[in-house]
Each structure stands twice: as C-alpha cells, then as structure tokens.
Amino acid sequence: MTPSEIITKPISGEMKNFEAYFRNSMKSPVPLLDIILNYLIRRKGKQMRPMIVFLSAKLNGGINNTTFVAASLIELLHTATLVHDDVVDETNERRGFFSIRALWKSKIAVLVGDYLLSKGLLLAIDNNETELLRIVSVAVREMSEGELLQIEKSRKLNISEPEYFEIIRKKTATLIASCAASGAKSAGAAVHIIEIMRLFGEYTGIAFQIKDDIFDYQKKGLIGKPTGNDIKEKKITLPLIYALENATDKERKRILKLISARQKDQGKIDEIIDFVNVKKGLEYAASKMDNYRQKAIEMLDQFENCEAKNSLIELVNYTTTRNM
C-alpha cells in the first residue's frame, strides 16, 4: 500500500463520496466557468486537507454531513488560494500542468479564485455552520498576513528565525490547523479538544513547510521543481537563515548580495546552495522539522489507539519523509 492508501484506509468510503460532494459544491451555470472548474477538478492533488478533516472527525466521534461541509469549505478555499497564488507569482505550471493563469490569463484566474472563495462562504452559510466559517475565516486572515509579511521581509532580506516561523505558521500551518479543528468541531468535540486538534494541525503544517523549504536546497530536485526556486524569488527560509547566522560578515554580505540580485544564474544559485550545505543549514532545518513532527504526534497522546489516530500519525510521519 502507498502512504496515501494507508492514511486514507479508515476514511476511504468517505473520501470517495467527498469527490462527488466537492464537485457539486463547485458547479456553475456559466459555461466558461464550468470548463475551468472541471479542469481544476481533474488535476486535483492528494487532498491532504480533506483527509485531515475526515480523520479528525473520525477520531472525535464520527463523520457526518457537517464534516463534508467543513472539508468542502476548506478545499474550496485552498483551491482559490492556489489559483490566486499563480497570478501573484506569475506561475505557468501547477502540479505539472498549465495553471489557470497560463491558459485563461490573470483576469479570469482572479475571478475564478474569487468565485471559489464565495462558494465556500455560501456553503457554510447555507448549512448554518457559522462556527466553521469563523475557524476558516481566521485562517484566511492569517494566510494573507503571512504572505504580506514574507513579501516585506523578502524586500529587506532581514528575516530572523522567529519571523520565519511566524510566516510559515500563518502562510501554511494555519490552514492545516483549521482542517483538524473543523473536523473535531463537526464531530461535536469539546472546546479544549478542538484546540488540541488545532495545535496538532499547526505543528504538522510547520513540519510540512520546513520539509518543502529543505527540498529547495537539495541539488537533485526530488520534487520536480527547479532547485533554488526560493532563492530566485528572494525567499529566505530556515536553511539559509541558519547558514547566514553562522557565517562571517564577509560571507553574509556576499550571499545576501547574490540573493538581492534575484538570481537567474544557475552557477551563483549553486554557490548559495553549497554555502547552505557547508554551514549545515539543512541539518539544522531537519532537526527543527523533527521537533515539530514529534510535537504534533504528542498532541494525539490523550486519544485511545484507533485506526484514525494511527492514520494521523502516519500522515505526520509522511510529511517529513516524503520525496515530493
């Protein structure tokens, strides 16, 4: 069995039903929009976020219609942010396929993202799920704040380690935290349990993002994206932060000068990657990632052993060992 099959085993039936539910939640009478939405659905990813919603609900009492609403709301939001991100980053590919921006241009892509966001909001309102809406709205706010904080720091190239963790908590981890919290909420869990699940999701999300940031400095490009992509975009992540903090003034000035030029020269990008490796930035980042992996798993200690708990632990471990 693949890691994904192991993780989804306790919720395989629900995930299959979710596909039809999610497709229905996106429907539009506008022909162009329907074509674009079908294109998005056919190229969906691993659906890690709905998995977390369903597993969290299963762990905390059981899956019901509210769980499907929560999973769809979050997946609509997540898809909207990806479409908008491709416009902001001027990206032509997403998961190996042309992005909406590349095929239908930026104006249509922005409108499609807005449509998906509105469909998610209406789904929650139509089902009287105001608390789910609150949980997810907090995530939307924090994701925007995280993106803007990263842009600000990328311009000044002065990001510290605490600021890095605040950025990835908001940019990535907050949405995964809302998945775990929404799943527990849908199952009727107590407030303190919802908070425990939220923290589980937050720690998992932070570990997930650190793993992504480590990939960017691995020369073989295991995940298929260009090695040094973050460097080209002037994004300073944990491996580089640690390396810079342990460099001489001369080394630090040299590396920051290379990054500030928004590097396209592969030779100079390789120089930055070699610098990070020599300064053991990857080892440091990996140790931090493992700390958050362990913190996430510890949040589940109070729950009795069951298939849902085992799947969540498997999911956390997979986020830190995956090759893509």
C-alpha atoms as a PDB file:
ATOM      1  CA  MET A   1       0.000   0.000   0.000  1.00  0.00           C
ATOM      2  CA  THR A   2       1.137   3.547  -0.720  1.00  0.00           C
ATOM      3  CA  PRO A   3       1.424   6.037   2.180  1.00  0.00           C
ATOM      4  CA  SER A   4      -1.720   7.758   0.869  1.00  0.00           C
ATOM      5  CA  GLU A   5      -3.662   4.467   0.895  1.00  0.00           C
ATOM      6  CA  ILE A   6      -2.517   3.709   4.448  1.00  0.00           C
ATOM      7  CA  ILE A   7      -3.535   7.185   5.623  1.00  0.00           C
ATOM      8  CA  THR A   8      -6.951   7.100   3.948  1.00  0.00           C
ATOM      9  CA  LYS A   9      -7.846   3.493   4.849  1.00  0.00           C
ATOM     10  CA  PRO A  10     -10.218   4.412   7.750  1.00  0.00           C
ATOM     11  CA  ILE A  11     -11.966   7.046   5.594  1.00  0.00           C
ATOM     12  CA  SER A  12     -11.742   5.544   2.101  1.00  0.00           C
ATOM     13  CA  GLY A  13     -15.521   5.440   1.674  1.00  0.00           C
ATOM     14  CA  GLU A  14     -15.969   8.998   2.875  1.00  0.00           C
ATOM     15  CA  MET A  15     -13.172  10.285   0.608  1.00  0.00           C
ATOM     16  CA  LYS A  16     -14.819   8.610  -2.376  1.00  0.00           C
ATOM     17  CA  ASN A  17     -18.161  10.233  -1.516  1.00  0.00           C
ATOM     18  CA  PHE A  18     -16.383  13.529  -0.953  1.00  0.00           C
ATOM     19  CA  GLU A  19     -15.299  13.721  -4.604  1.00  0.00           C
ATOM     20  CA  ALA A  20     -18.917  13.926  -5.777  1.00  0.00           C
ATOM     21  CA  TYR A  21     -19.868  16.283  -2.922  1.00  0.00           C
ATOM     22  CA  PHE A  22     -16.972  18.615  -3.703  1.00  0.00           C
ATOM     23  CA  ARG A  23     -17.652  18.581  -7.440  1.00  0.00           C
ATOM     24  CA  ASN A  24     -21.278  19.515  -6.761  1.00  0.00           C
ATOM     25  CA  SER A  25     -20.213  22.356  -4.448  1.00  0.00           C
ATOM     26  CA  MET A  26     -18.243  23.961  -7.308  1.00  0.00           C
ATOM     27  CA  LYS A  27     -20.946  23.844 -10.004  1.00  0.00           C
ATOM     28  CA  SER A  28     -21.712  26.934 -12.065  1.00  0.00           C
ATOM     29  CA  PRO A  29     -24.282  27.684 -14.798  1.00  0.00           C
ATOM     30  CA  VAL A  30     -21.675  29.785 -16.640  1.00  0.00           C
ATOM     31  CA  PRO A  31     -20.174  27.567 -19.398  1.00  0.00           C
ATOM     32  CA  LEU A  32     -16.657  29.066 -19.307  1.00  0.00           C
ATOM     33  CA  LEU A  33     -16.504  28.804 -15.521  1.00  0.00           C
ATOM     34  CA  ASP A  34     -17.740  25.215 -15.612  1.00  0.00           C
ATOM     35  CA  ILE A  35     -14.988  24.291 -18.114  1.00  0.00           C
ATOM     36  CA  ILE A  36     -12.332  25.831 -15.882  1.00  0.00           C
ATOM     37  CA  LEU A  37     -13.715  24.170 -12.742  1.00  0.00           C
ATOM     38  CA  ASN A  38     -13.720  20.767 -14.446  1.00  0.00           C
ATOM     39  CA  TYR A  39     -10.099  21.379 -15.431  1.00  0.00           C
ATOM     40  CA  LEU A  40      -9.256  22.089 -11.782  1.00  0.00           C
ATOM     41  CA  ILE A  41     -11.074  19.001 -10.501  1.00  0.00           C
ATOM     42  CA  ARG A  42      -9.324  16.665 -12.958  1.00  0.00           C
ATOM     43  CA  ARG A  43      -5.957  17.934 -11.742  1.00  0.00           C
ATOM     44  CA  LYS A  44      -6.556  17.883  -8.011  1.00  0.00           C
ATOM     45  CA  GLY A  45      -3.710  16.972  -5.685  1.00  0.00           C
ATOM     46  CA  LYS A  46      -3.548  14.402  -2.901  1.00  0.00           C
ATOM     47  CA  GLN A  47      -6.361  16.185  -0.997  1.00  0.00           C
ATOM     48  CA  MET A  48      -4.394  16.111   2.237  1.00  0.00           C
ATOM     49  CA  ARG A  49      -6.575  18.803   3.797  1.00  0.00           C
ATOM     50  CA  PRO A  50      -9.912  16.957   3.393  1.00  0.00           C
ATOM     51  CA  MET A  51      -8.153  13.825   4.697  1.00  0.00           C
ATOM     52  CA  ILE A  52      -7.237  15.666   7.904  1.00  0.00           C
ATOM     53  CA  VAL A  53     -10.808  16.963   8.302  1.00  0.00           C
ATOM     54  CA  PHE A  54     -12.278  13.463   7.984  1.00  0.00           C
ATOM     55  CA  LEU A  55      -9.666  11.773  10.165  1.00  0.00           C
ATOM     56  CA  SER A  56     -10.062  14.424  12.868  1.00  0.00           C
ATOM     57  CA  ALA A  57     -13.848  13.948  12.820  1.00  0.00           C
ATOM     58  CA  LYS A  58     -13.490  10.162  12.937  1.00  0.00           C
ATOM     59  CA  LEU A  59     -11.104  10.432  15.899  1.00  0.00           C
ATOM     60  CA  ASN A  60     -13.532  12.689  17.781  1.00  0.00           C
ATOM     61  CA  GLY A  61     -16.860  10.951  17.438  1.00  0.00           C
ATOM     62  CA  GLY A  62     -17.688  10.300  13.824  1.00  0.00           C
ATOM     63  CA  ILE A  63     -18.188  11.749  10.351  1.00  0.00           C
ATOM     64  CA  ASN A  64     -21.452  13.465   9.439  1.00  0.00           C
ATOM     65  CA  ASN A  65     -22.821  15.974   6.923  1.00  0.00           C
ATOM     66  CA  THR A  66     -21.142  18.856   8.754  1.00  0.00           C
ATOM     67  CA  THR A  67     -17.807  17.114   8.168  1.00  0.00           C
ATOM     68  CA  PHE A  68     -18.457  17.128   4.415  1.00  0.00           C
ATOM     69  CA  VAL A  69     -19.325  20.838   4.613  1.00  0.00           C
ATOM     70  CA  ALA A  70     -16.087  21.532   6.519  1.00  0.00           C
ATOM     71  CA  ALA A  71     -13.928  19.540   4.092  1.00  0.00           C
ATOM     72  CA  SER A  72     -15.517  21.215   1.050  1.00  0.00           C
ATOM     73  CA  LEU A  73     -15.247  24.684   2.567  1.00  0.00           C
ATOM     74  CA  ILE A  74     -11.542  24.233   3.226  1.00  0.00           C
ATOM     75  CA  GLU A  75     -10.816  22.625  -0.144  1.00  0.00           C
ATOM     76  CA  LEU A  76     -12.651  25.438  -1.952  1.00  0.00           C
ATOM     77  CA  LEU A  77     -10.612  27.974  -0.005  1.00  0.00           C
ATOM     78  CA  HIS A  78      -7.363  26.107  -0.627  1.00  0.00           C
ATOM     79  CA  THR A  79      -8.050  25.836  -4.368  1.00  0.00           C
ATOM     80  CA  ALA A  80      -8.893  29.555  -4.503  1.00  0.00           C
ATOM     81  CA  THR A  81      -5.592  30.470  -2.846  1.00  0.00           C
ATOM     82  CA  LEU A  82      -3.623  28.290  -5.292  1.00  0.00           C
ATOM     83  CA  VAL A  83      -5.301  29.979  -8.271  1.00  0.00           C
ATOM     84  CA  HIS A  84      -4.586  33.416  -6.797  1.00  0.00           C
ATOM     85  CA  ASP A  85      -1.003  32.446  -5.880  1.00  0.00           C
ATOM     86  CA  ASP A  86      -0.293  31.529  -9.501  1.00  0.00           C
ATOM     87  CA  VAL A  87      -1.372  35.016 -10.533  1.00  0.00           C
ATOM     88  CA  VAL A  88       0.725  36.734  -7.846  1.00  0.00           C
ATOM     89  CA  ASP A  89       3.782  34.564  -8.589  1.00  0.00           C
ATOM     90  CA  GLU A  90       3.207  34.644 -12.384  1.00  0.00           C
ATOM     91  CA  THR A  91       3.339  30.848 -12.405  1.00  0.00           C
ATOM     92  CA  ASN A  92       2.582  28.954 -15.605  1.00  0.00           C
ATOM     93  CA  GLU A  93       2.526  25.454 -14.117  1.00  0.00           C
ATOM     94  CA  ARG A  94       0.754  23.807 -11.208  1.00  0.00           C
ATOM     95  CA  ARG A  95       1.415  20.123 -10.362  1.00  0.00           C
ATOM     96  CA  GLY A  96       2.952  19.558 -13.782  1.00  0.00           C
ATOM     97  CA  PHE A  97       0.019  21.057 -15.734  1.00  0.00           C
ATOM     98  CA  PHE A  98      -0.690  24.515 -17.080  1.00  0.00           C
ATOM     99  CA  SER A  99      -2.040  26.882 -14.430  1.00  0.00           C
ATOM    100  CA  ILE A 100      -5.373  28.666 -14.838  1.00  0.00           C
ATOM    101  CA  ARG A 101      -3.404  31.875 -15.309  1.00  0.00           C
ATOM    102  CA  ALA A 102      -1.395  30.346 -18.170  1.00  0.00           C
ATOM    103  CA  LEU A 103      -4.465  29.011 -20.009  1.00  0.00           C
ATOM    104  CA  TRP A 104      -7.024  31.756 -19.353  1.00  0.00           C
ATOM    105  CA  LYS A 105      -4.879  34.738 -18.272  1.00  0.00           C
ATOM    106  CA  SER A 106      -4.709  36.601 -14.969  1.00  0.00           C
ATOM    107  CA  LYS A 107      -8.071  38.402 -15.011  1.00  0.00           C
ATOM    108  CA  ILE A 108     -10.049  35.186 -15.406  1.00  0.00           C
ATOM    109  CA  ALA A 109      -7.839  33.399 -12.861  1.00  0.00           C
ATOM    110  CA  VAL A 110      -8.514  36.087 -10.231  1.00  0.00           C
ATOM    111  CA  LEU A 111     -12.256  35.883 -10.894  1.00  0.00           C
ATOM    112  CA  VAL A 112     -12.204  32.076 -10.664  1.00  0.00           C
ATOM    113  CA  GLY A 113     -10.402  32.315  -7.314  1.00  0.00           C
ATOM    114  CA  ASP A 114     -12.974  34.825  -6.085  1.00  0.00           C
ATOM    115  CA  TYR A 115     -15.792  32.537  -7.237  1.00  0.00           C
ATOM    116  CA  LEU A 116     -14.355  29.549  -5.349  1.00  0.00           C
ATOM    117  CA  LEU A 117     -13.961  31.614  -2.188  1.00  0.00           C
ATOM    118  CA  SER A 118     -17.567  32.835  -2.414  1.00  0.00           C
ATOM    119  CA  LYS A 119     -18.837  29.283  -2.992  1.00  0.00           C
ATOM    120  CA  GLY A 120     -17.097  28.189   0.187  1.00  0.00           C
ATOM    121  CA  LEU A 121     -18.584  31.029   2.211  1.00  0.00           C
ATOM    122  CA  LEU A 122     -22.073  30.351   0.866  1.00  0.00           C
ATOM    123  CA  LEU A 123     -21.735  26.624   1.540  1.00  0.00           C
ATOM    124  CA  ALA A 124     -21.113  27.349   5.231  1.00  0.00           C
ATOM    125  CA  ILE A 125     -23.904  29.936   5.440  1.00  0.00           C
ATOM    126  CA  ASP A 126     -26.455  27.760   3.625  1.00  0.00           C
ATOM    127  CA  ASN A 127     -25.780  24.973   6.121  1.00  0.00           C
ATOM    128  CA  ASN A 128     -25.850  27.316   9.148  1.00  0.00           C
ATOM    129  CA  GLU A 129     -22.263  26.433  10.011  1.00  0.00           C
ATOM    130  CA  THR A 130     -21.159  29.802  11.362  1.00  0.00           C
ATOM    131  CA  GLU A 131     -18.547  28.337  13.712  1.00  0.00           C
ATOM    132  CA  LEU A 132     -16.864  26.523  10.818  1.00  0.00           C
ATOM    133  CA  LEU A 133     -16.915  29.799   8.933  1.00  0.00           C
ATOM    134  CA  ARG A 134     -15.231  31.533  11.864  1.00  0.00           C
ATOM    135  CA  ILE A 135     -12.478  28.899  12.069  1.00  0.00           C
ATOM    136  CA  VAL A 136     -11.752  29.121   8.358  1.00  0.00           C
ATOM    137  CA  SER A 137     -12.027  32.930   8.224  1.00  0.00           C
ATOM    138  CA  VAL A 138      -9.265  33.173  10.834  1.00  0.00           C
ATOM    139  CA  ALA A 139      -7.134  31.004   8.550  1.00  0.00           C
ATOM    140  CA  VAL A 140      -7.846  33.257   5.539  1.00  0.00           C
ATOM    141  CA  ARG A 141      -6.823  36.339   7.506  1.00  0.00           C
ATOM    142  CA  GLU A 142      -3.614  34.771   8.768  1.00  0.00           C
ATOM    143  CA  MET A 143      -2.666  33.406   5.334  1.00  0.00           C
ATOM    144  CA  SER A 144      -2.920  36.926   3.887  1.00  0.00           C
ATOM    145  CA  GLU A 145      -0.884  38.364   6.755  1.00  0.00           C
ATOM    146  CA  GLY A 146       1.766  35.676   6.299  1.00  0.00           C
ATOM    147  CA  GLU A 147       2.096  36.334   2.568  1.00  0.00           C
ATOM    148  CA  LEU A 148       2.444  40.081   3.095  1.00  0.00           C
ATOM    149  CA  LEU A 149       4.974  39.609   5.908  1.00  0.00           C
ATOM    150  CA  GLN A 150       7.059  37.367   3.664  1.00  0.00           C
ATOM    151  CA  ILE A 151       6.951  39.922   0.818  1.00  0.00           C
ATOM    152  CA  GLU A 152       8.043  42.669   3.217  1.00  0.00           C
ATOM    153  CA  LYS A 153      10.931  40.602   4.577  1.00  0.00           C
ATOM    154  CA  SER A 154      11.989  39.415   1.117  1.00  0.00           C
ATOM    155  CA  ARG A 155      12.450  43.029   0.051  1.00  0.00           C
ATOM    156  CA  LYS A 156      14.651  43.847   3.046  1.00  0.00           C
ATOM    157  CA  LEU A 157      16.405  40.442   3.266  1.00  0.00           C
ATOM    158  CA  ASN A 158      16.450  40.721   7.062  1.00  0.00           C
ATOM    159  CA  ILE A 159      14.260  37.843   8.208  1.00  0.00           C
ATOM    160  CA  SER A 160      15.056  36.302  11.599  1.00  0.00           C
ATOM    161  CA  GLU A 161      14.284  32.741  12.677  1.00  0.00           C
ATOM    162  CA  PRO A 162      11.299  33.766  14.874  1.00  0.00           C
ATOM    163  CA  GLU A 163       9.918  35.784  11.941  1.00  0.00           C
ATOM    164  CA  TYR A 164      10.370  32.799   9.630  1.00  0.00           C
ATOM    165  CA  PHE A 165       8.331  30.589  11.943  1.00  0.00           C
ATOM    166  CA  GLU A 166       5.624  33.253  12.213  1.00  0.00           C
ATOM    167  CA  ILE A 167       5.458  33.444   8.405  1.00  0.00           C
ATOM    168  CA  ILE A 168       5.131  29.700   7.835  1.00  0.00           C
ATOM    169  CA  ARG A 169       2.686  29.347  10.727  1.00  0.00           C
ATOM    170  CA  LYS A 170       0.426  31.857   9.048  1.00  0.00           C
ATOM    171  CA  LYS A 171       1.075  31.002   5.388  1.00  0.00           C
ATOM    172  CA  THR A 172       0.879  27.212   5.572  1.00  0.00           C
ATOM    173  CA  ALA A 173       0.174  25.841   9.023  1.00  0.00           C
ATOM    174  CA  THR A 174      -2.925  27.886   9.817  1.00  0.00           C
ATOM    175  CA  LEU A 175      -4.967  26.232   7.045  1.00  0.00           C
ATOM    176  CA  ILE A 176      -3.918  22.731   8.113  1.00  0.00           C
ATOM    177  CA  ALA A 177      -4.744  23.724  11.705  1.00  0.00           C
ATOM    178  CA  SER A 178      -8.223  24.774  10.568  1.00  0.00           C
ATOM    179  CA  CYS A 179      -8.685  21.346   8.937  1.00  0.00           C
ATOM    180  CA  ALA A 180      -8.016  19.492  12.181  1.00  0.00           C
ATOM    181  CA  ALA A 181     -10.088  21.953  14.245  1.00  0.00           C
ATOM    182  CA  SER A 182     -13.014  21.889  11.778  1.00  0.00           C
ATOM    183  CA  GLY A 183     -13.059  18.101  11.716  1.00  0.00           C
ATOM    184  CA  ALA A 184     -13.225  17.926  15.512  1.00  0.00           C
ATOM    185  CA  LYS A 185     -15.870  20.658  15.603  1.00  0.00           C
ATOM    186  CA  SER A 186     -18.015  18.830  13.048  1.00  0.00           C
ATOM    187  CA  ALA A 187     -17.993  15.744  15.274  1.00  0.00           C
ATOM    188  CA  GLY A 188     -19.162  17.724  18.310  1.00  0.00           C
ATOM    189  CA  ALA A 189     -15.868  17.700  20.232  1.00  0.00           C
ATOM    190  CA  ALA A 190     -15.418  19.854  23.327  1.00  0.00           C
ATOM    191  CA  VAL A 191     -13.712  23.241  23.002  1.00  0.00           C
ATOM    192  CA  HIS A 192     -10.435  22.084  24.594  1.00  0.00           C
ATOM    193  CA  ILE A 193     -10.296  19.076  22.256  1.00  0.00           C
ATOM    194  CA  ILE A 194     -10.843  21.330  19.233  1.00  0.00           C
ATOM    195  CA  GLU A 195      -7.876  23.406  20.423  1.00  0.00           C
ATOM    196  CA  ILE A 196      -5.730  20.288  20.805  1.00  0.00           C
ATOM    197  CA  MET A 197      -6.587  19.257  17.256  1.00  0.00           C
ATOM    198  CA  ARG A 198      -5.883  22.787  16.027  1.00  0.00           C
ATOM    199  CA  LEU A 199      -2.406  22.624  17.560  1.00  0.00           C
ATOM    200  CA  PHE A 200      -1.899  19.174  16.036  1.00  0.00           C
ATOM    201  CA  GLY A 201      -2.646  20.672  12.620  1.00  0.00           C
ATOM    202  CA  GLU A 202      -0.447  23.714  13.237  1.00  0.00           C
ATOM    203  CA  TYR A 203       2.578  21.633  14.225  1.00  0.00           C
ATOM    204  CA  THR A 204       2.005  19.299  11.285  1.00  0.00           C
ATOM    205  CA  GLY A 205       1.774  22.264   8.922  1.00  0.00           C
ATOM    206  CA  ILE A 206       5.008  23.788  10.205  1.00  0.00           C
ATOM    207  CA  ALA A 207       6.833  20.471   9.755  1.00  0.00           C
ATOM    208  CA  PHE A 208       5.336  20.187   6.258  1.00  0.00           C
ATOM    209  CA  GLN A 209       6.593  23.642   5.242  1.00  0.00           C
ATOM    210  CA  ILE A 210      10.090  23.124   6.646  1.00  0.00           C
ATOM    211  CA  LYS A 211      10.294  19.937   4.570  1.00  0.00           C
ATOM    212  CA  ASP A 212       9.313  21.953   1.479  1.00  0.00           C
ATOM    213  CA  ASP A 213      11.994  24.530   2.286  1.00  0.00           C
ATOM    214  CA  ILE A 214      14.618  21.795   2.652  1.00  0.00           C
ATOM    215  CA  PHE A 215      13.749  20.435  -0.810  1.00  0.00           C
ATOM    216  CA  ASP A 216      14.771  23.732  -2.390  1.00  0.00           C
ATOM    217  CA  TYR A 217      18.380  23.221  -1.310  1.00  0.00           C
ATOM    218  CA  GLN A 218      18.687  19.598  -2.426  1.00  0.00           C
ATOM    219  CA  LYS A 219      20.588  19.502  -5.692  1.00  0.00           C
ATOM    220  CA  LYS A 220      18.788  16.553  -7.244  1.00  0.00           C
ATOM    221  CA  GLY A 221      15.464  18.375  -7.304  1.00  0.00           C
ATOM    222  CA  LEU A 222      13.496  15.440  -5.921  1.00  0.00           C
ATOM    223  CA  ILE A 223      10.128  17.152  -6.177  1.00  0.00           C
ATOM    224  CA  GLY A 224      10.495  18.200  -9.794  1.00  0.00           C
ATOM    225  CA  LYS A 225      10.575  21.945  -9.185  1.00  0.00           C
ATOM    226  CA  PRO A 226      13.710  23.915 -10.138  1.00  0.00           C
ATOM    227  CA  THR A 227      16.402  23.686  -7.481  1.00  0.00           C
ATOM    228  CA  GLY A 228      16.868  27.083  -5.883  1.00  0.00           C
ATOM    229  CA  ASN A 229      13.405  28.354  -6.735  1.00  0.00           C
ATOM    230  CA  ASP A 230      13.099  30.129  -3.369  1.00  0.00           C
ATOM    231  CA  ILE A 231      16.476  31.777  -3.991  1.00  0.00           C
ATOM    232  CA  LYS A 232      15.281  33.082  -7.350  1.00  0.00           C
ATOM    233  CA  GLU A 233      12.253  34.606  -5.612  1.00  0.00           C
ATOM    234  CA  LYS A 234      14.396  36.095  -2.798  1.00  0.00           C
ATOM    235  CA  LYS A 235      12.640  33.935  -0.197  1.00  0.00           C
ATOM    236  CA  ILE A 236      14.884  33.416   2.817  1.00  0.00           C
ATOM    237  CA  THR A 237      13.920  30.182   4.544  1.00  0.00           C
ATOM    238  CA  LEU A 238      15.231  28.283   7.567  1.00  0.00           C
ATOM    239  CA  PRO A 239      18.264  26.510   5.982  1.00  0.00           C
ATOM    240  CA  LEU A 240      19.572  29.840   4.683  1.00  0.00           C
ATOM    241  CA  ILE A 241      18.713  31.759   7.872  1.00  0.00           C
ATOM    242  CA  TYR A 242      20.779  29.324   9.945  1.00  0.00           C
ATOM    243  CA  ALA A 243      23.656  29.423   7.465  1.00  0.00           C
ATOM    244  CA  LEU A 244      23.725  33.232   7.463  1.00  0.00           C
ATOM    245  CA  GLU A 245      23.655  33.348  11.265  1.00  0.00           C
ATOM    246  CA  ASN A 246      26.734  31.115  11.344  1.00  0.00           C
ATOM    247  CA  ALA A 247      28.688  32.910   8.626  1.00  0.00           C
ATOM    248  CA  THR A 248      31.374  35.581   8.767  1.00  0.00           C
ATOM    249  CA  ASP A 249      30.420  39.155   7.906  1.00  0.00           C
ATOM    250  CA  LYS A 250      32.197  38.795   4.571  1.00  0.00           C
ATOM    251  CA  GLU A 251      30.348  35.562   3.713  1.00  0.00           C
ATOM    252  CA  ARG A 252      26.998  37.028   4.777  1.00  0.00           C
ATOM    253  CA  LYS A 253      27.444  40.146   2.637  1.00  0.00           C
ATOM    254  CA  ARG A 254      28.468  38.050  -0.373  1.00  0.00           C
ATOM    255  CA  ILE A 255      25.460  35.709  -0.128  1.00  0.00           C
ATOM    256  CA  LEU A 256      22.946  38.492   0.503  1.00  0.00           C
ATOM    257  CA  LYS A 257      24.340  40.404  -2.484  1.00  0.00           C
ATOM    258  CA  LEU A 258      23.806  37.355  -4.695  1.00  0.00           C
ATOM    259  CA  ILE A 259      20.241  36.872  -3.441  1.00  0.00           C
ATOM    260  CA  SER A 260      19.299  40.553  -3.724  1.00  0.00           C
ATOM    261  CA  ALA A 261      20.007  40.407  -7.471  1.00  0.00           C
ATOM    262  CA  ARG A 262      17.065  37.960  -7.853  1.00  0.00           C
ATOM    263  CA  GLN A 263      19.398  35.315  -9.209  1.00  0.00           C
ATOM    264  CA  LYS A 264      18.829  33.548 -12.527  1.00  0.00           C
ATOM    265  CA  ASP A 265      22.439  32.400 -12.935  1.00  0.00           C
ATOM    266  CA  GLN A 266      22.473  28.699 -12.014  1.00  0.00           C
ATOM    267  CA  GLY A 267      26.145  28.860 -11.096  1.00  0.00           C
ATOM    268  CA  LYS A 268      25.514  31.533  -8.495  1.00  0.00           C
ATOM    269  CA  ILE A 269      22.434  29.698  -7.237  1.00  0.00           C
ATOM    270  CA  ASP A 270      24.635  26.617  -6.779  1.00  0.00           C
ATOM    271  CA  GLU A 271      27.094  28.769  -4.839  1.00  0.00           C
ATOM    272  CA  ILE A 272      24.324  29.739  -2.398  1.00  0.00           C
ATOM    273  CA  ILE A 273      23.189  26.110  -2.112  1.00  0.00           C
ATOM    274  CA  ASP A 274      26.773  24.986  -1.415  1.00  0.00           C
ATOM    275  CA  PHE A 275      27.088  27.710   1.240  1.00  0.00           C
ATOM    276  CA  VAL A 276      23.938  26.456   2.999  1.00  0.00           C
ATOM    277  CA  ASN A 277      25.202  22.874   2.898  1.00  0.00           C
ATOM    278  CA  VAL A 278      28.657  23.767   4.231  1.00  0.00           C
ATOM    279  CA  LYS A 279      27.099  25.717   7.099  1.00  0.00           C
ATOM    280  CA  LYS A 280      24.852  22.710   7.895  1.00  0.00           C
ATOM    281  CA  GLY A 281      21.653  24.629   7.264  1.00  0.00           C
ATOM    282  CA  LEU A 282      19.846  21.515   6.044  1.00  0.00           C
ATOM    283  CA  GLU A 283      20.753  19.512   9.143  1.00  0.00           C
ATOM    284  CA  TYR A 284      19.538  22.310  11.384  1.00  0.00           C
ATOM    285  CA  ALA A 285      16.260  22.686   9.479  1.00  0.00           C
ATOM    286  CA  ALA A 286      15.726  18.910   9.563  1.00  0.00           C
ATOM    287  CA  SER A 287      16.178  18.881  13.354  1.00  0.00           C
ATOM    288  CA  LYS A 288      13.590  21.651  13.755  1.00  0.00           C
ATOM    289  CA  MET A 289      11.225  19.810  11.428  1.00  0.00           C
ATOM    290  CA  ASP A 290      11.585  16.661  13.518  1.00  0.00           C
ATOM    291  CA  ASN A 291      10.827  18.636  16.689  1.00  0.00           C
ATOM    292  CA  TYR A 292       7.520  19.809  15.219  1.00  0.00           C
ATOM    293  CA  ARG A 293       6.755  16.321  13.916  1.00  0.00           C
ATOM    294  CA  GLN A 294       7.157  14.984  17.443  1.00  0.00           C
ATOM    295  CA  LYS A 295       5.080  17.824  18.953  1.00  0.00           C
ATOM    296  CA  ALA A 296       2.253  17.045  16.520  1.00  0.00           C
ATOM    297  CA  ILE A 297       2.269  13.350  17.424  1.00  0.00           C
ATOM    298  CA  GLU A 298       2.344  14.164  21.144  1.00  0.00           C
ATOM    299  CA  MET A 299      -0.902  16.116  20.760  1.00  0.00           C
ATOM    300  CA  LEU A 300      -2.594  12.792  19.970  1.00  0.00           C
ATOM    301  CA  ASP A 301      -1.300  11.032  23.107  1.00  0.00           C
ATOM    302  CA  GLN A 302      -4.524  11.535  25.048  1.00  0.00           C
ATOM    303  CA  PHE A 303      -6.601   9.708  22.428  1.00  0.00           C
ATOM    304  CA  GLU A 304      -7.072   5.948  22.560  1.00  0.00           C
ATOM    305  CA  ASN A 305      -5.407   3.921  19.846  1.00  0.00           C
ATOM    306  CA  CYS A 306      -7.614   3.500  16.800  1.00  0.00           C
ATOM    307  CA  GLU A 307      -7.365   3.493  13.018  1.00  0.00           C
ATOM    308  CA  ALA A 308      -7.978   7.251  12.735  1.00  0.00           C
ATOM    309  CA  LYS A 309      -5.246   8.059  15.269  1.00  0.00           C
ATOM    310  CA  ASN A 310      -2.787   5.719  13.538  1.00  0.00           C
ATOM    311  CA  SER A 311      -3.587   7.323  10.183  1.00  0.00           C
ATOM    312  CA  LEU A 312      -2.976  10.820  11.555  1.00  0.00           C
ATOM    313  CA  ILE A 313       0.386   9.691  12.958  1.00  0.00           C
ATOM    314  CA  GLU A 314       1.225   8.112   9.586  1.00  0.00           C
ATOM    315  CA  LEU A 315       0.281  11.391   7.882  1.00  0.00           C
ATOM    316  CA  VAL A 316       2.586  13.399  10.150  1.00  0.00           C
ATOM    317  CA  ASN A 317       5.459  10.994   9.543  1.00  0.00           C
ATOM    318  CA  TYR A 318       4.827  11.094   5.801  1.00  0.00           C
ATOM    319  CA  THR A 319       5.060  14.891   5.724  1.00  0.00           C
ATOM    320  CA  THR A 320       8.631  14.698   7.000  1.00  0.00           C
ATOM    321  CA  THR A 321       9.843  11.730   4.923  1.00  0.00           C
ATOM    322  CA  ARG A 322       8.148  12.372   1.549  1.00  0.00           C
ATOM    323  CA  ASN A 323      10.189  12.841  -1.623  1.00  0.00           C
ATOM    324  CA  MET A 324       7.771  15.285  -3.275  1.00  0.00           C
END
